[in-house]
Amino acid sequence: MSNGGVSMAISTTRSFNPDVADLLEDAFQLAGTEMVSGNDLATGRRVLNYLLLEWANKGINLWTIDNITIPSATIVAGTYEYDVDIDTIAVIKVMLRTGSGTYQSDVPLYEVSAVTYAQINNKLTRGKPSQFWLSRIGVRDVTDGVNRPSKLVLWPVPDVSNTYSIVYTRMRRMADAGRGGLSTLEIPDRFIPAMRYGLALGISLQKPGSADRVPLLQMLYDRTLNEAMDEDRERQDFTSIPDLSGYSPY
C-alpha cells in the first residue's frame, strides 16, 4: 500500500485485548461520566462480575466447554456418588471409559431425572453403570443463587474398583474480574463489543445523570450480544430423516 509514493506496511498483529481497567474507563465514558475514584472502580468491577454471571446463566460461554476425567483409581466398587468440579455450570455429556490407549472404549451414560432416579427400586444394584443422575442438592452459588451441579450419581453402582473412569463434558464458570484492573477477561474477542456496551449500560443504570443514555446503550448491547452469540456456535450439517414406518396412505 502506498500513500503519496510512501510505502506503508500492513500491521500483522492480532492481539488487541483490552484489560479490565481499559474496558471500565471506556464504559464510564460511554455512560457519560468518568471513573475518578476507587469507589467508581469497585462499582465498575461489580457490574462486570454481574454481567459475567448473566452470560453464564444464558449459557453463551461456549468457549468454556472442556472435558474432565474422574480417573479409574477414584472409581470404587459400591460407591455411587462422585464429585463434579465446583465451577461447573452444566454437564453436557457423560461417558463411561474402560481400558486405555488402543483398547480404550467410551460408552455414553444416559441422564435420568431426579424423579426417575427416585423410582429405582434398588439403588445399590451393582453392575456396569449405564445411567446417571446429576445431583444439585446442597450446592447453591451465593453470588447468583443458582444451584450448581454437585455430584454424578451412577446406576447401576460400579461393581469393580479401578476399572472404569468417567469422562464428562461440562460448561464451567468464567473467571471473574479479580481485584486488580490490569488483568484481561476470559472472553473471545468477538464478545468484547458486547461487554463494552453491557458495562456502560450497567454503569448508566447506577448513575442518575446517565439515565438518558440507557435506551441507546440497551439497543447497542442487545445488538452486539446477539451478533456475538450468533457467531459463537458450532457449524455442522444437520440432516432430518422422518420415520414413516408406521404411515400408510390407505
Protein backbone atom coordinates (compact mmCIF):
# COMPACT_ATOMS: atom_id res chain seq x y z
CA MET A 1 0.00 0.00 0.00
CA SER A 2 1.36 3.47 -0.87
CA ASN A 3 0.37 6.95 0.25
CA GLY A 4 1.82 9.72 -1.91
CA GLY A 5 4.65 7.49 -3.02
CA VAL A 6 5.43 6.32 0.53
CA SER A 7 5.13 2.58 1.07
CA MET A 8 3.04 1.72 4.14
CA ALA A 9 3.26 -1.64 5.86
CA ILE A 10 0.14 -3.51 6.92
CA SER A 11 0.04 -4.46 10.58
CA THR A 12 0.38 -8.17 11.25
CA THR A 13 -0.61 -8.09 14.93
CA ARG A 14 -3.88 -9.62 16.06
CA SER A 15 -3.59 -9.30 19.81
CA PHE A 16 -5.99 -6.49 20.77
CA ASN A 17 -7.49 -7.47 24.10
CA PRO A 18 -8.16 -4.54 26.47
CA ASP A 19 -7.59 -5.14 30.16
CA VAL A 20 -10.26 -4.58 32.79
CA ALA A 21 -9.12 -1.02 33.54
CA ASP A 22 -9.36 0.00 29.86
CA LEU A 23 -12.80 -1.61 29.50
CA LEU A 24 -14.09 0.15 32.60
CA GLU A 25 -12.69 3.53 31.56
CA ASP A 26 -14.30 3.18 28.13
CA ALA A 27 -17.61 2.07 29.67
CA PHE A 28 -17.72 5.06 32.03
CA GLN A 29 -17.15 7.39 29.06
CA LEU A 30 -19.96 5.72 27.09
CA ALA A 31 -22.17 6.27 30.14
CA GLY A 32 -21.34 9.99 30.00
CA THR A 33 -19.19 10.06 33.14
CA GLU A 34 -15.65 9.34 34.29
CA MET A 35 -14.01 6.81 36.58
CA VAL A 36 -12.36 9.15 39.08
CA SER A 37 -12.30 7.27 42.38
CA GLY A 38 -11.68 3.90 43.94
CA ASN A 39 -15.41 3.66 44.55
CA ASP A 40 -16.02 4.03 40.80
CA LEU A 41 -13.53 1.24 40.13
CA ALA A 42 -15.28 -1.01 42.67
CA THR A 43 -18.68 -0.21 41.11
CA GLY A 44 -17.44 -0.98 37.62
CA ARG A 45 -15.81 -4.24 38.68
CA ARG A 46 -19.01 -5.29 40.46
CA VAL A 47 -21.10 -4.52 37.35
CA LEU A 48 -18.61 -6.52 35.29
CA ASN A 49 -18.85 -9.59 37.53
CA TYR A 50 -22.66 -9.43 37.48
CA LEU A 51 -22.51 -9.27 33.68
CA LEU A 52 -20.27 -12.34 33.54
CA LEU A 53 -22.75 -14.22 35.74
CA GLU A 54 -25.59 -13.14 33.45
CA TRP A 55 -23.74 -14.54 30.46
CA ALA A 56 -23.04 -17.78 32.32
CA ASN A 57 -26.74 -18.17 33.09
CA LYS A 58 -27.59 -17.54 29.44
CA GLY A 59 -25.33 -20.46 28.53
CA ILE A 60 -23.48 -18.46 25.86
CA ASN A 61 -19.99 -19.24 27.10
CA LEU A 62 -19.31 -21.94 24.52
CA TRP A 63 -15.60 -21.26 24.88
CA THR A 64 -15.62 -22.57 28.47
CA ILE A 65 -16.60 -26.12 27.48
CA ASP A 66 -14.00 -28.71 28.42
CA ASN A 67 -13.61 -32.36 29.39
CA ILE A 68 -12.99 -33.58 32.93
CA THR A 69 -11.86 -37.11 33.78
CA ILE A 70 -12.65 -38.90 37.03
CA PRO A 71 -9.78 -41.42 36.95
CA SER A 72 -10.26 -45.14 37.39
CA ALA A 73 -8.31 -45.02 40.66
CA THR A 74 -11.18 -42.94 42.09
CA ILE A 75 -13.98 -45.27 40.97
CA VAL A 76 -14.63 -47.68 43.83
CA ALA A 77 -16.93 -50.70 43.80
CA GLY A 78 -20.11 -49.95 45.76
CA THR A 79 -19.64 -46.14 45.62
CA TYR A 80 -22.29 -44.43 43.55
CA GLU A 81 -21.65 -40.67 44.11
CA TYR A 82 -18.74 -38.79 42.52
CA ASP A 83 -18.00 -35.07 42.88
CA VAL A 84 -18.27 -32.67 39.95
CA ASP A 85 -15.80 -29.77 39.80
CA ILE A 86 -17.20 -26.86 41.82
CA ASP A 87 -17.01 -24.32 38.96
CA THR A 88 -19.24 -26.47 36.73
CA ILE A 89 -22.38 -24.73 35.46
CA ALA A 90 -23.81 -27.58 33.41
CA VAL A 91 -22.85 -31.13 32.43
CA ILE A 92 -23.43 -31.74 28.74
CA LYS A 93 -22.37 -35.36 28.26
CA VAL A 94 -21.04 -38.22 30.41
CA MET A 95 -19.05 -41.20 29.11
CA LEU A 96 -18.02 -44.42 30.84
CA ARG A 97 -14.49 -45.34 29.78
CA THR A 98 -12.88 -48.75 30.02
CA GLY A 99 -9.34 -49.65 29.02
CA SER A 100 -6.77 -47.20 27.69
CA GLY A 101 -4.77 -46.45 24.57
CA THR A 102 -5.57 -48.70 21.63
CA TYR A 103 -8.04 -50.70 23.73
CA GLN A 104 -9.91 -47.69 25.13
CA SER A 105 -13.67 -47.75 24.81
CA ASP A 106 -16.14 -44.95 25.64
CA VAL A 107 -19.83 -45.68 26.16
CA PRO A 108 -22.37 -42.89 26.81
CA LEU A 109 -24.20 -42.82 30.12
CA TYR A 110 -27.80 -41.69 29.85
CA GLU A 111 -29.07 -38.96 32.15
CA VAL A 112 -32.22 -39.54 34.20
CA SER A 113 -34.25 -37.03 36.16
CA ALA A 114 -34.46 -36.84 39.94
CA VAL A 115 -37.94 -38.37 39.78
CA THR A 116 -36.79 -41.28 37.61
CA TYR A 117 -33.82 -41.96 39.88
CA ALA A 118 -36.07 -41.83 42.97
CA GLN A 119 -38.28 -44.52 41.44
CA ILE A 120 -35.42 -47.03 41.01
CA ASN A 121 -36.33 -49.87 43.33
CA ASN A 122 -32.81 -50.88 44.39
CA LYS A 123 -30.35 -48.02 44.07
CA LEU A 124 -27.48 -50.22 45.30
CA THR A 125 -27.69 -52.75 42.46
CA ARG A 126 -24.15 -53.37 41.24
CA GLY A 127 -23.05 -53.72 37.64
CA LYS A 128 -21.59 -51.75 34.78
CA PRO A 129 -23.04 -48.20 35.09
CA SER A 130 -25.40 -47.25 32.27
CA GLN A 131 -27.06 -44.07 33.51
CA PHE A 132 -26.58 -41.18 35.88
CA TRP A 133 -28.49 -38.55 37.80
CA LEU A 134 -26.86 -35.12 38.10
CA SER A 135 -27.48 -34.10 41.70
CA ARG A 136 -27.74 -30.41 42.57
CA ILE A 137 -28.64 -30.98 46.20
CA GLY A 138 -27.00 -28.73 48.74
CA VAL A 139 -24.84 -26.65 46.39
CA ARG A 140 -26.11 -23.12 45.75
CA ASP A 141 -23.83 -20.37 44.45
CA VAL A 142 -24.25 -17.47 46.87
CA THR A 143 -23.33 -14.91 44.19
CA ASP A 144 -26.24 -15.60 41.86
CA GLY A 145 -28.48 -18.07 43.74
CA VAL A 146 -28.08 -20.79 41.11
CA ASN A 147 -27.87 -24.43 42.12
CA ARG A 148 -24.65 -25.83 40.70
CA PRO A 149 -24.19 -29.49 39.75
CA SER A 150 -22.51 -31.20 42.67
CA LYS A 151 -22.40 -34.97 42.11
CA LEU A 152 -22.76 -37.61 39.43
CA VAL A 153 -24.90 -40.40 40.86
CA LEU A 154 -24.30 -43.62 38.92
CA TRP A 155 -26.61 -46.58 38.40
CA PRO A 156 -26.01 -49.44 38.49
CA VAL A 157 -23.39 -48.85 41.13
CA PRO A 158 -19.86 -49.75 39.90
CA ASP A 159 -19.30 -53.43 40.50
CA VAL A 160 -15.49 -53.37 40.40
CA SER A 161 -12.77 -50.95 41.50
CA ASN A 162 -10.10 -49.29 39.35
CA THR A 163 -11.69 -50.47 36.11
CA TYR A 164 -13.95 -47.67 34.94
CA SER A 165 -13.22 -43.99 34.53
CA ILE A 166 -15.75 -41.24 33.95
CA VAL A 167 -15.27 -38.52 31.34
CA TYR A 168 -17.76 -35.68 31.38
CA THR A 169 -18.08 -32.68 29.10
CA ARG A 170 -19.09 -29.63 31.05
CA MET A 171 -19.59 -25.89 30.78
CA ARG A 172 -17.61 -24.15 33.50
CA ARG A 173 -17.98 -20.75 35.07
CA MET A 174 -15.93 -17.91 33.59
CA ALA A 175 -13.15 -16.36 35.65
CA ASP A 176 -14.28 -13.11 37.26
CA ALA A 177 -12.69 -9.67 37.00
CA GLY A 178 -10.40 -10.18 40.00
CA ARG A 179 -9.29 -7.47 42.40
CA GLY A 180 -6.98 -5.51 40.12
CA GLY A 181 -7.57 -3.71 36.85
CA LEU A 182 -4.68 -4.98 34.75
CA SER A 183 -5.96 -8.48 34.06
CA THR A 184 -7.78 -9.37 30.85
CA LEU A 185 -11.13 -11.12 30.69
CA GLU A 186 -11.70 -14.73 29.73
CA ILE A 187 -13.84 -13.90 26.71
CA PRO A 188 -13.22 -14.24 22.94
CA ASP A 189 -12.53 -11.01 21.08
CA ARG A 190 -15.88 -11.20 19.28
CA PHE A 191 -17.63 -10.64 22.64
CA ILE A 192 -15.60 -7.55 23.59
CA PRO A 193 -18.02 -5.04 21.92
CA ALA A 194 -20.97 -6.60 23.77
CA MET A 195 -19.03 -6.49 27.04
CA ARG A 196 -18.20 -2.83 26.43
CA TYR A 197 -21.81 -1.80 25.89
CA GLY A 198 -23.11 -4.10 28.63
CA LEU A 199 -20.73 -2.49 31.13
CA ALA A 200 -21.75 1.01 30.02
CA LEU A 201 -25.42 0.05 30.37
CA GLY A 202 -24.91 -1.33 33.88
CA ILE A 203 -22.98 1.78 34.95
CA SER A 204 -25.63 4.09 33.45
CA LEU A 205 -28.32 2.36 35.48
CA GLN A 206 -26.40 3.24 38.66
CA LYS A 207 -25.60 6.85 37.72
CA PRO A 208 -28.64 9.19 37.95
CA GLY A 209 -27.08 11.61 35.48
CA SER A 210 -26.70 8.90 32.83
CA ALA A 211 -30.31 7.72 32.69
CA ASP A 212 -30.89 9.34 29.29
CA ARG A 213 -28.24 7.06 27.76
CA VAL A 214 -29.91 3.82 28.87
CA PRO A 215 -32.18 3.26 25.81
CA LEU A 216 -29.34 3.70 23.30
CA LEU A 217 -26.91 1.57 25.32
CA GLN A 218 -29.57 -1.13 25.75
CA MET A 219 -30.08 -1.24 21.98
CA LEU A 220 -26.34 -1.39 21.28
CA TYR A 221 -25.80 -4.07 23.94
CA ASP A 222 -28.64 -6.26 22.65
CA ARG A 223 -27.44 -5.92 19.05
CA THR A 224 -23.77 -6.67 19.68
CA LEU A 225 -24.57 -9.52 22.09
CA ASN A 226 -26.91 -11.15 19.58
CA GLU A 227 -24.28 -10.79 16.85
CA ALA A 228 -21.64 -12.42 19.05
CA MET A 229 -24.00 -15.22 20.14
CA ASP A 230 -24.88 -15.92 16.51
CA GLU A 231 -21.18 -16.20 15.69
CA ASP A 232 -20.37 -18.29 18.78
CA ARG A 233 -21.97 -21.53 17.66
CA GLU A 234 -20.97 -24.86 16.24
CA ARG A 235 -21.28 -25.25 12.48
CA GLN A 236 -22.11 -28.67 11.15
CA ASP A 237 -24.51 -30.21 8.67
CA PHE A 238 -27.90 -31.22 10.02
CA THR A 239 -29.99 -33.93 8.40
CA SER A 240 -33.54 -34.77 9.44
CA ILE A 241 -35.00 -38.10 8.28
CA PRO A 242 -38.66 -38.65 9.21
CA ASP A 243 -39.72 -42.08 10.44
CA LEU A 244 -42.55 -43.17 8.14
CA SER A 245 -42.54 -46.82 9.17
CA GLY A 246 -45.96 -46.55 10.75
CA TYR A 247 -47.51 -44.43 7.98
CA SER A 248 -49.98 -45.83 5.50
CA PRO A 249 -51.62 -43.77 2.73
CA TYR A 250 -54.71 -46.01 2.89
